[in-house]
Amino acid sequence: MPNPSLLFSSVQVGGAGERSDRSQAELGRLLAAAGGYRVFASDGTHIGWLDHVRYEQHADHPDEVVVRSRGLLGRRRHVFPFNAVAEVRQGERTVVLRGTRSE
């Protein structure tokens, strides 16, 4: 009888921007530690700073990210769904969202 071994499923991003469960969990972990990071749209537009993340339906990743910004009328908060997050760059202390600010 052969030695049993541990088998792990591969981590792949599916079509149309879908993430595997493992990559969602990793991105969620990075977001949870990213409070205060600068937030940019994918076109480079500065949106604001990551205020906090909200966990409501999922335990492995946040449901929403809350971004604070300053405008003419004072502080504002914008809420984006988790699937709007393209990446977290720890070295640069930035979060990149899919799409642009105008979308």
C-alpha atoms as a PDB file:
ATOM      1  CA  MET A   1       0.000   0.000   0.000  1.00  0.00           C
ATOM      2  CA  PRO A   2       1.466   3.395  -0.971  1.00  0.00           C
ATOM      3  CA  ASN A   3       2.186   6.030   1.640  1.00  0.00           C
ATOM      4  CA  PRO A   4      -0.735   8.412   2.078  1.00  0.00           C
ATOM      5  CA  SER A   5       0.091  11.984   1.206  1.00  0.00           C
ATOM      6  CA  LEU A   6      -1.621  15.285   1.655  1.00  0.00           C
ATOM      7  CA  LEU A   7      -3.191  16.628  -1.482  1.00  0.00           C
ATOM      8  CA  PHE A   8      -3.896  20.288  -1.905  1.00  0.00           C
ATOM      9  CA  SER A   9      -6.074  21.819  -4.571  1.00  0.00           C
ATOM     10  CA  SER A  10      -4.418  24.363  -6.782  1.00  0.00           C
ATOM     11  CA  VAL A  11      -5.124  28.049  -6.245  1.00  0.00           C
ATOM     12  CA  GLN A  12      -6.387  29.560  -9.458  1.00  0.00           C
ATOM     13  CA  VAL A  13      -8.374  32.600 -10.383  1.00  0.00           C
ATOM     14  CA  GLY A  14     -11.369  31.584 -12.491  1.00  0.00           C
ATOM     15  CA  GLY A  15     -12.762  33.406 -15.486  1.00  0.00           C
ATOM     16  CA  ALA A  16     -14.478  36.783 -15.253  1.00  0.00           C
ATOM     17  CA  GLY A  17     -12.484  37.804 -12.163  1.00  0.00           C
ATOM     18  CA  GLU A  18     -13.628  34.931  -9.944  1.00  0.00           C
ATOM     19  CA  ARG A  19     -11.282  33.969  -7.121  1.00  0.00           C
ATOM     20  CA  SER A  20     -10.652  30.592  -5.556  1.00  0.00           C
ATOM     21  CA  ASP A  21     -11.670  30.121  -1.921  1.00  0.00           C
ATOM     22  CA  ARG A  22      -8.022  30.151  -0.868  1.00  0.00           C
ATOM     23  CA  SER A  23      -7.168  33.361  -2.727  1.00  0.00           C
ATOM     24  CA  GLN A  24     -10.317  35.045  -1.333  1.00  0.00           C
ATOM     25  CA  ALA A  25      -9.260  34.087   2.189  1.00  0.00           C
ATOM     26  CA  GLU A  26      -5.719  35.390   1.606  1.00  0.00           C
ATOM     27  CA  LEU A  27      -7.003  38.682   0.203  1.00  0.00           C
ATOM     28  CA  GLY A  28      -9.400  38.957   3.155  1.00  0.00           C
ATOM     29  CA  ARG A  29      -6.515  38.409   5.581  1.00  0.00           C
ATOM     30  CA  LEU A  30      -4.472  41.143   3.891  1.00  0.00           C
ATOM     31  CA  LEU A  31      -7.433  43.552   3.943  1.00  0.00           C
ATOM     32  CA  ALA A  32      -8.087  42.929   7.632  1.00  0.00           C
ATOM     33  CA  ALA A  33      -4.553  44.169   8.362  1.00  0.00           C
ATOM     34  CA  ALA A  34      -4.687  47.076   5.896  1.00  0.00           C
ATOM     35  CA  GLY A  35      -6.429  49.766   7.950  1.00  0.00           C
ATOM     36  CA  GLY A  36      -5.101  53.178   6.937  1.00  0.00           C
ATOM     37  CA  TYR A  37      -3.741  52.020   3.569  1.00  0.00           C
ATOM     38  CA  ARG A  38      -4.282  54.395   0.631  1.00  0.00           C
ATOM     39  CA  VAL A  39      -6.988  53.226  -1.788  1.00  0.00           C
ATOM     40  CA  PHE A  40      -6.712  53.720  -5.551  1.00  0.00           C
ATOM     41  CA  ALA A  41      -8.913  52.912  -8.532  1.00  0.00           C
ATOM     42  CA  SER A  42      -7.281  50.728 -11.177  1.00  0.00           C
ATOM     43  CA  ASP A  43      -6.688  53.849 -13.300  1.00  0.00           C
ATOM     44  CA  GLY A  44      -4.542  55.356 -10.506  1.00  0.00           C
ATOM     45  CA  THR A  45      -7.135  57.786  -9.114  1.00  0.00           C
ATOM     46  CA  HIS A  46      -6.735  58.223  -5.368  1.00  0.00           C
ATOM     47  CA  ILE A  47     -10.061  57.402  -3.705  1.00  0.00           C
ATOM     48  CA  GLY A  48      -9.167  57.662  -0.030  1.00  0.00           C
ATOM     49  CA  TRP A  49      -7.909  55.533   2.872  1.00  0.00           C
ATOM     50  CA  LEU A  50      -9.123  52.140   4.034  1.00  0.00           C
ATOM     51  CA  ASP A  51     -11.163  52.793   7.170  1.00  0.00           C
ATOM     52  CA  HIS A  52     -12.267  49.243   7.996  1.00  0.00           C
ATOM     53  CA  VAL A  53     -13.715  46.045   6.580  1.00  0.00           C
ATOM     54  CA  ARG A  54     -17.137  44.553   7.346  1.00  0.00           C
ATOM     55  CA  TYR A  55     -17.786  40.870   7.936  1.00  0.00           C
ATOM     56  CA  GLU A  56     -21.479  40.007   7.744  1.00  0.00           C
ATOM     57  CA  GLN A  57     -22.083  36.876   5.665  1.00  0.00           C
ATOM     58  CA  HIS A  58     -18.640  35.352   5.165  1.00  0.00           C
ATOM     59  CA  ALA A  59     -16.111  34.254   7.757  1.00  0.00           C
ATOM     60  CA  ASP A  60     -13.143  33.846   5.392  1.00  0.00           C
ATOM     61  CA  HIS A  61     -13.245  37.290   3.761  1.00  0.00           C
ATOM     62  CA  PRO A  62     -14.968  40.628   4.329  1.00  0.00           C
ATOM     63  CA  ASP A  63     -18.232  41.426   2.596  1.00  0.00           C
ATOM     64  CA  GLU A  64     -17.412  45.112   2.186  1.00  0.00           C
ATOM     65  CA  VAL A  65     -14.546  47.557   2.498  1.00  0.00           C
ATOM     66  CA  VAL A  66     -15.174  51.049   3.849  1.00  0.00           C
ATOM     67  CA  VAL A  67     -13.030  53.845   2.435  1.00  0.00           C
ATOM     68  CA  ARG A  68     -12.866  57.301   3.986  1.00  0.00           C
ATOM     69  CA  SER A  69     -12.120  60.395   1.966  1.00  0.00           C
ATOM     70  CA  ARG A  70     -12.074  64.140   2.434  1.00  0.00           C
ATOM     71  CA  GLY A  71     -14.010  66.430   0.166  1.00  0.00           C
ATOM     72  CA  LEU A  72     -15.382  69.934   0.143  1.00  0.00           C
ATOM     73  CA  LEU A  73     -18.089  68.949   2.601  1.00  0.00           C
ATOM     74  CA  GLY A  74     -15.798  67.225   5.093  1.00  0.00           C
ATOM     75  CA  ARG A  75     -15.192  63.526   5.628  1.00  0.00           C
ATOM     76  CA  ARG A  76     -17.116  60.943   3.668  1.00  0.00           C
ATOM     77  CA  ARG A  77     -17.215  57.171   3.709  1.00  0.00           C
ATOM     78  CA  HIS A  78     -17.664  55.034   0.602  1.00  0.00           C
ATOM     79  CA  VAL A  79     -18.597  51.357   0.795  1.00  0.00           C
ATOM     80  CA  PHE A  80     -17.338  48.911  -1.846  1.00  0.00           C
ATOM     81  CA  PRO A  81     -18.116  45.198  -2.165  1.00  0.00           C
ATOM     82  CA  PHE A  82     -15.280  42.754  -1.540  1.00  0.00           C
ATOM     83  CA  ASN A  83     -15.228  41.729  -5.206  1.00  0.00           C
ATOM     84  CA  ALA A  84     -14.263  45.325  -6.125  1.00  0.00           C
ATOM     85  CA  VAL A  85     -10.827  44.766  -4.552  1.00  0.00           C
ATOM     86  CA  ALA A  86      -8.216  43.897  -7.167  1.00  0.00           C
ATOM     87  CA  GLU A  87      -5.176  43.654  -4.900  1.00  0.00           C
ATOM     88  CA  VAL A  88      -3.498  44.670  -1.656  1.00  0.00           C
ATOM     89  CA  ARG A  89       0.115  45.868  -1.949  1.00  0.00           C
ATOM     90  CA  GLN A  90       1.612  45.548   1.514  1.00  0.00           C
ATOM     91  CA  GLY A  91       4.992  47.011   0.586  1.00  0.00           C
ATOM     92  CA  GLU A  92       3.355  50.147  -0.798  1.00  0.00           C
ATOM     93  CA  ARG A  93       0.592  50.195   1.844  1.00  0.00           C
ATOM     94  CA  THR A  94      -2.050  50.492  -0.878  1.00  0.00           C
ATOM     95  CA  VAL A  95      -5.294  48.801  -1.926  1.00  0.00           C
ATOM     96  CA  VAL A  96      -6.306  48.793  -5.593  1.00  0.00           C
ATOM     97  CA  LEU A  97      -9.969  48.592  -6.614  1.00  0.00           C
ATOM     98  CA  ARG A  98     -11.230  47.325  -9.970  1.00  0.00           C
ATOM     99  CA  GLY A  99     -12.619  49.917 -12.352  1.00  0.00           C
ATOM    100  CA  THR A 100     -12.374  53.661 -12.004  1.00  0.00           C
ATOM    101  CA  ARG A 101     -13.740  56.213  -9.604  1.00  0.00           C
ATOM    102  CA  SER A 102     -16.467  57.221 -12.008  1.00  0.00           C
ATOM    103  CA  GLU A 103     -17.861  53.663 -12.243  1.00  0.00           C
END
